[in-house]
Amino acid sequence: MQDLDVAGVQNIWPRLSGLVYVPHTEEEYHRLVSLLDDLVDEIGEDESHPLASLMEIVGVLIESYEDQNVPELVA
């Protein structure tokens, strides 16, 4: 298991916390969707891209918000 460099993460987190967060409002959700769009434009299908895991994390955060806040359409 990797040792977590808490001090290192603490140093960079202020710059990242405005980009990567659990959305609690529709505005935060839309900001994450916009970020995901930008990441998809940059990364595309390149799973080896250095930001590919960030794209996946943002996608999971968006999906979680949608699961909790967007009603499913019933046919």
N, C-alpha and C. Protein backbone atom coordinates (compact mmCIF):
# COMPACT_ATOMS: atom_id res chain seq x y z
N MET A 1 0.84 -1.18 0.00
CA MET A 1 0.00 0.00 0.00
C MET A 1 0.88 1.24 0.00
N GLN A 2 0.46 2.25 -0.78
CA GLN A 2 1.24 3.48 -0.84
C GLN A 2 1.03 4.30 0.42
N ASP A 3 2.12 4.94 0.86
CA ASP A 3 2.00 5.87 1.97
C ASP A 3 1.46 7.19 1.43
N LEU A 4 0.48 7.74 2.09
CA LEU A 4 -0.11 9.00 1.67
C LEU A 4 0.74 10.15 2.18
N ASP A 5 1.15 11.01 1.28
CA ASP A 5 1.90 12.20 1.63
C ASP A 5 0.89 13.30 1.98
N VAL A 6 0.40 13.26 3.22
CA VAL A 6 -0.65 14.19 3.64
C VAL A 6 -0.18 15.64 3.50
N ALA A 7 1.05 15.91 3.88
CA ALA A 7 1.56 17.28 3.78
C ALA A 7 1.59 17.73 2.32
N GLY A 8 1.98 16.85 1.42
CA GLY A 8 2.01 17.19 0.00
C GLY A 8 0.62 17.44 -0.54
N VAL A 9 -0.33 16.60 -0.16
CA VAL A 9 -1.72 16.78 -0.59
C VAL A 9 -2.27 18.08 -0.01
N GLN A 10 -1.97 18.35 1.23
CA GLN A 10 -2.44 19.57 1.88
C GLN A 10 -1.93 20.81 1.15
N ASN A 11 -0.73 20.74 0.62
CA ASN A 11 -0.15 21.87 -0.09
C ASN A 11 -0.86 22.14 -1.42
N ILE A 12 -1.29 21.09 -2.12
CA ILE A 12 -1.89 21.29 -3.43
C ILE A 12 -3.43 21.33 -3.39
N TRP A 13 -4.04 20.86 -2.30
CA TRP A 13 -5.49 20.79 -2.24
C TRP A 13 -6.18 22.15 -2.42
N PRO A 14 -5.69 23.26 -1.86
CA PRO A 14 -6.37 24.54 -2.09
C PRO A 14 -6.54 24.88 -3.57
N ARG A 15 -5.60 24.48 -4.39
CA ARG A 15 -5.71 24.75 -5.83
C ARG A 15 -6.68 23.81 -6.52
N LEU A 16 -6.90 22.63 -5.95
CA LEU A 16 -7.77 21.64 -6.57
C LEU A 16 -9.19 21.64 -6.02
N SER A 17 -9.36 22.10 -4.80
CA SER A 17 -10.67 21.98 -4.13
C SER A 17 -11.78 22.74 -4.84
N GLY A 18 -11.44 23.75 -5.62
CA GLY A 18 -12.46 24.46 -6.39
C GLY A 18 -12.86 23.72 -7.65
N LEU A 19 -12.11 22.68 -8.00
CA LEU A 19 -12.41 21.89 -9.20
C LEU A 19 -12.99 20.53 -8.89
N VAL A 20 -12.51 19.90 -7.84
CA VAL A 20 -12.93 18.53 -7.52
C VAL A 20 -13.62 18.54 -6.16
N TYR A 21 -14.92 18.33 -6.17
CA TYR A 21 -15.71 18.38 -4.95
C TYR A 21 -17.00 17.59 -5.15
N VAL A 22 -17.65 17.26 -4.09
CA VAL A 22 -18.95 16.61 -4.15
C VAL A 22 -19.98 17.72 -4.36
N PRO A 23 -20.71 17.70 -5.48
CA PRO A 23 -21.67 18.77 -5.72
C PRO A 23 -22.90 18.63 -4.82
N HIS A 24 -23.31 19.77 -4.24
CA HIS A 24 -24.49 19.78 -3.37
C HIS A 24 -25.58 20.67 -3.93
N THR A 25 -25.25 21.46 -4.95
CA THR A 25 -26.24 22.35 -5.55
C THR A 25 -26.23 22.12 -7.06
N GLU A 26 -27.27 22.61 -7.71
CA GLU A 26 -27.35 22.48 -9.16
C GLU A 26 -26.22 23.27 -9.83
N GLU A 27 -25.87 24.41 -9.26
CA GLU A 27 -24.78 25.22 -9.81
C GLU A 27 -23.45 24.45 -9.75
N GLU A 28 -23.17 23.82 -8.61
CA GLU A 28 -21.94 23.02 -8.49
C GLU A 28 -21.96 21.86 -9.47
N TYR A 29 -23.12 21.25 -9.63
CA TYR A 29 -23.28 20.15 -10.59
C TYR A 29 -22.93 20.63 -12.00
N HIS A 30 -23.47 21.77 -12.40
CA HIS A 30 -23.22 22.28 -13.75
C HIS A 30 -21.76 22.67 -13.94
N ARG A 31 -21.10 23.15 -12.90
CA ARG A 31 -19.66 23.45 -13.01
C ARG A 31 -18.87 22.16 -13.24
N LEU A 32 -19.25 21.09 -12.55
CA LEU A 32 -18.56 19.81 -12.77
C LEU A 32 -18.82 19.27 -14.16
N VAL A 33 -20.05 19.42 -14.66
CA VAL A 33 -20.36 18.97 -16.02
C VAL A 33 -19.51 19.73 -17.02
N SER A 34 -19.35 21.03 -16.81
CA SER A 34 -18.51 21.83 -17.69
C SER A 34 -17.05 21.36 -17.64
N LEU A 35 -16.56 21.07 -16.44
CA LEU A 35 -15.20 20.55 -16.28
C LEU A 35 -15.06 19.22 -17.02
N LEU A 36 -16.05 18.35 -16.87
CA LEU A 36 -16.00 17.05 -17.55
C LEU A 36 -15.97 17.25 -19.06
N ASP A 37 -16.77 18.16 -19.57
CA ASP A 37 -16.76 18.44 -21.01
C ASP A 37 -15.37 18.86 -21.47
N ASP A 38 -14.73 19.73 -20.70
CA ASP A 38 -13.37 20.18 -21.05
C ASP A 38 -12.38 19.03 -21.00
N LEU A 39 -12.52 18.18 -20.00
CA LEU A 39 -11.62 17.03 -19.88
C LEU A 39 -11.82 16.06 -21.04
N VAL A 40 -13.06 15.81 -21.42
CA VAL A 40 -13.34 14.91 -22.55
C VAL A 40 -12.74 15.49 -23.83
N ASP A 41 -12.87 16.80 -24.02
CA ASP A 41 -12.29 17.43 -25.21
C ASP A 41 -10.77 17.26 -25.23
N GLU A 42 -10.14 17.35 -24.08
CA GLU A 42 -8.68 17.23 -23.99
C GLU A 42 -8.21 15.78 -24.07
N ILE A 43 -8.90 14.89 -23.39
CA ILE A 43 -8.42 13.52 -23.21
C ILE A 43 -8.98 12.56 -24.26
N GLY A 44 -10.24 12.75 -24.60
CA GLY A 44 -10.88 11.83 -25.54
C GLY A 44 -10.91 10.42 -24.97
N GLU A 45 -10.45 9.47 -25.76
CA GLU A 45 -10.45 8.05 -25.36
C GLU A 45 -9.09 7.59 -24.84
N ASP A 46 -8.16 8.50 -24.66
CA ASP A 46 -6.79 8.15 -24.28
C ASP A 46 -6.72 7.81 -22.79
N GLU A 47 -6.85 6.52 -22.47
CA GLU A 47 -6.83 6.07 -21.08
C GLU A 47 -5.47 6.24 -20.42
N SER A 48 -4.43 6.48 -21.22
CA SER A 48 -3.09 6.67 -20.65
C SER A 48 -2.79 8.15 -20.41
N HIS A 49 -3.72 9.02 -20.74
CA HIS A 49 -3.52 10.46 -20.52
C HIS A 49 -3.37 10.71 -19.01
N PRO A 50 -2.48 11.62 -18.61
CA PRO A 50 -2.26 11.89 -17.19
C PRO A 50 -3.52 12.35 -16.44
N LEU A 51 -4.51 12.92 -17.15
CA LEU A 51 -5.72 13.39 -16.49
C LEU A 51 -6.90 12.42 -16.64
N ALA A 52 -6.66 11.24 -17.18
CA ALA A 52 -7.75 10.28 -17.40
C ALA A 52 -8.43 9.89 -16.08
N SER A 53 -7.66 9.70 -15.03
CA SER A 53 -8.28 9.31 -13.75
C SER A 53 -9.10 10.47 -13.16
N LEU A 54 -8.66 11.71 -13.40
CA LEU A 54 -9.44 12.86 -12.95
C LEU A 54 -10.77 12.89 -13.70
N MET A 55 -10.75 12.62 -14.98
CA MET A 55 -11.97 12.59 -15.77
C MET A 55 -12.93 11.53 -15.20
N GLU A 56 -12.40 10.39 -14.84
CA GLU A 56 -13.23 9.32 -14.28
C GLU A 56 -13.83 9.74 -12.93
N ILE A 57 -13.03 10.37 -12.08
CA ILE A 57 -13.51 10.83 -10.77
C ILE A 57 -14.62 11.85 -10.93
N VAL A 58 -14.43 12.82 -11.81
CA VAL A 58 -15.45 13.84 -12.04
C VAL A 58 -16.72 13.18 -12.56
N GLY A 59 -16.58 12.21 -13.43
CA GLY A 59 -17.75 11.48 -13.94
C GLY A 59 -18.51 10.78 -12.83
N VAL A 60 -17.80 10.17 -11.90
CA VAL A 60 -18.44 9.49 -10.77
C VAL A 60 -19.17 10.49 -9.87
N LEU A 61 -18.56 11.65 -9.64
CA LEU A 61 -19.20 12.68 -8.82
C LEU A 61 -20.49 13.17 -9.48
N ILE A 62 -20.46 13.36 -10.78
CA ILE A 62 -21.65 13.80 -11.52
C ILE A 62 -22.73 12.72 -11.46
N GLU A 63 -22.34 11.49 -11.70
CA GLU A 63 -23.30 10.38 -11.68
C GLU A 63 -23.96 10.25 -10.30
N SER A 64 -23.19 10.41 -9.26
CA SER A 64 -23.73 10.33 -7.90
C SER A 64 -24.76 11.42 -7.66
N TYR A 65 -24.44 12.65 -8.09
CA TYR A 65 -25.39 13.76 -7.95
C TYR A 65 -26.67 13.46 -8.72
N GLU A 66 -26.53 12.98 -9.94
CA GLU A 66 -27.70 12.69 -10.76
C GLU A 66 -28.55 11.59 -10.14
N ASP A 67 -27.91 10.56 -9.61
CA ASP A 67 -28.65 9.47 -8.96
C ASP A 67 -29.49 9.98 -7.79
N GLN A 68 -28.98 10.96 -7.07
CA GLN A 68 -29.66 11.47 -5.89
C GLN A 68 -30.63 12.61 -6.18
N ASN A 69 -30.45 13.33 -7.29
CA ASN A 69 -31.20 14.56 -7.49
C ASN A 69 -32.00 14.67 -8.79
N VAL A 70 -31.74 13.81 -9.74
CA VAL A 70 -32.44 13.90 -11.01
C VAL A 70 -33.42 12.73 -11.10
N PRO A 71 -34.73 13.05 -11.17
CA PRO A 71 -35.70 11.96 -11.25
C PRO A 71 -35.58 11.19 -12.55
N GLU A 72 -35.78 9.89 -12.47
CA GLU A 72 -35.72 9.05 -13.65
C GLU A 72 -36.98 9.23 -14.47
N LEU A 73 -36.81 9.22 -15.79
CA LEU A 73 -37.96 9.31 -16.67
C LEU A 73 -38.67 7.96 -16.72
N VAL A 74 -39.96 7.99 -16.60
CA VAL A 74 -40.76 6.76 -16.66
C VAL A 74 -41.50 6.76 -17.99
N ALA A 75 -41.29 5.70 -18.76
CA ALA A 75 -41.93 5.62 -20.09
C ALA A 75 -43.39 5.27 -19.98
